[in-house]
Amino acid sequence: MSAKWEKIEKNIGILEVEVEADEVSKALDRAFKKVVKTVTVPGFRKGKVPRKIFESRFGVESLYNDALDIILPTAYTQAVVEAEIQPVDRPEVDVVQFEAGKPLLFKAKVTVKPEVELGEYKNLEIEEKDFAVTDEDLQEEMQRIRASHAEIVPVEDGVVASGDTVIIDFKGFVDGEEFEGGEAENYQLEIGSGTFIPGFEDQLIGMKKDEEKEIGVTFPEEYHVKHLAGQPAKFQVKLHDIKRKNLPELDDEFAKDISDFETLAELEADTRKRLEEQAEHGKKHYIEDSVVELAVKHASVEIPNAMIEAEIDQEVVQFENRLKSQGIPLEMYLEFTGATKESLRSEFKDSAENRVRTSLVLEAIAKAESLEASDEEIQKQLEEIAKSANMEVERVRMILQSNDPSLSAIRQDIVMRKTIDFLVENRKVG
């Protein structure tokens, strides 16, 4: 077999392939063995018709489609390897010649992985950002811990205040008509949580138990239900109960009750340490994200639409799986939000394109810097997977290699990690 590759556009080319006549003959033999099982010829049992009689009756051409189905996938795959190209979409195949006793000639119009024109990716200067943990940060976290251990008590006398949890009935109207999803009974709502439409929770402040009130709001312009976006609405609300947090004192007793520490000072010291560890992680991710973003910004690449669409496909599947984990079918979500599968894909397009672009640029940097995954690094990664899965390393390797003989996904992950580390280590400091 021989293959010739010629680029006709930036990411598109023609792959011309010639397959030897002997391979064509073998494909026709296999096609005959398949087809003859379904053919009925008087005087012969099904599947026992001689080849010559079959061809005289039906013609050798009747085997061509099946033979092509047999030979084309393998020939195309081998041609791709020989031409050293990386297709990113299904090819458009045009069979130029296919006859018994002659070579198979076909052309494939192929969209390939684009070439990246790298810009500056070393000595990148990023904006400095302070990740130091302040006393105010510590006190804010202590108040959060305090609030998380608050006792919720009913308020019999008094009015709703910010931070209270209320139990309400409500019914919503737009232009005097009720709308789907705008009604609930005994709904629990924390005032100040921002759960409802802007302005709704604020207007509950000051209400008393068993009071009824009409509340006017306007749906945000970007509201997820399109026919409600930007529309004024009225809600009839009845307040059943008010519950308020009774905050514990921040003292040594509090520290003893919620932790293994004897004093509040020890709890605060441990909390500060935890915040500092979180800040270090935040700083690390900020630096990594910033240098990658700059490297991608400085690079130039024309991404085939097929790569973006494939990435969107993955995003949609992941989104659907997240919904399923919450017990929400995708169709129900689309009906509730007024979205469509097309609009959902449109929402994912920018993030999908950015991920593809980032991956291509990092891959190009790795190639330029000869960054590769060593056998030792792959082994270490397998050991980490095995440990987290509580399995033997070789069992993990066997499972992964059954789907990916070269462990390319793990290799790629390691190389991407090394590339990001390279960008961080070679950034401009000071």
Foldseek 3Di string as FASTA:
>chain_A
DAWDWDADDQQKIKIKFKAFLVLLVVLLVVLCQVVQQVDDDPPDDRSGDDPVVVCVVPNSVVSQVSSCVVPVVVRVVVNCVVNVFAFLDDWDKDWPDRDRPGITIIMTITGTFGDKFFFDQFQADDDDDDLAQDPVNLVVVVVVVQQVPFDKDWDQDDADDQQKKFFKWKFKDFPNHTDPPRTDHRDIDHQPPPPDAPPPSVVRTGDHAQDKDKGKDQADQVALQNVRHRTIMIMIMTTHTIIHTHGDDQWQVVCVVPHVDRTSVVVSVVSSVVSVVVSVVVVVVVLLVRSLVVRLVRMDIDGDVSQLVVLLVVVVVVVQVVCVVVVHHPVNVCVVRVHDPVVSSVVCRVVSVVVSSSLSSLVNQCVVVVQWQDPVNLLVVLVVVCVVVVHDSVVSLVVCCVVPVVNVVSGSVVSSVVSSVVSSVRYNDD
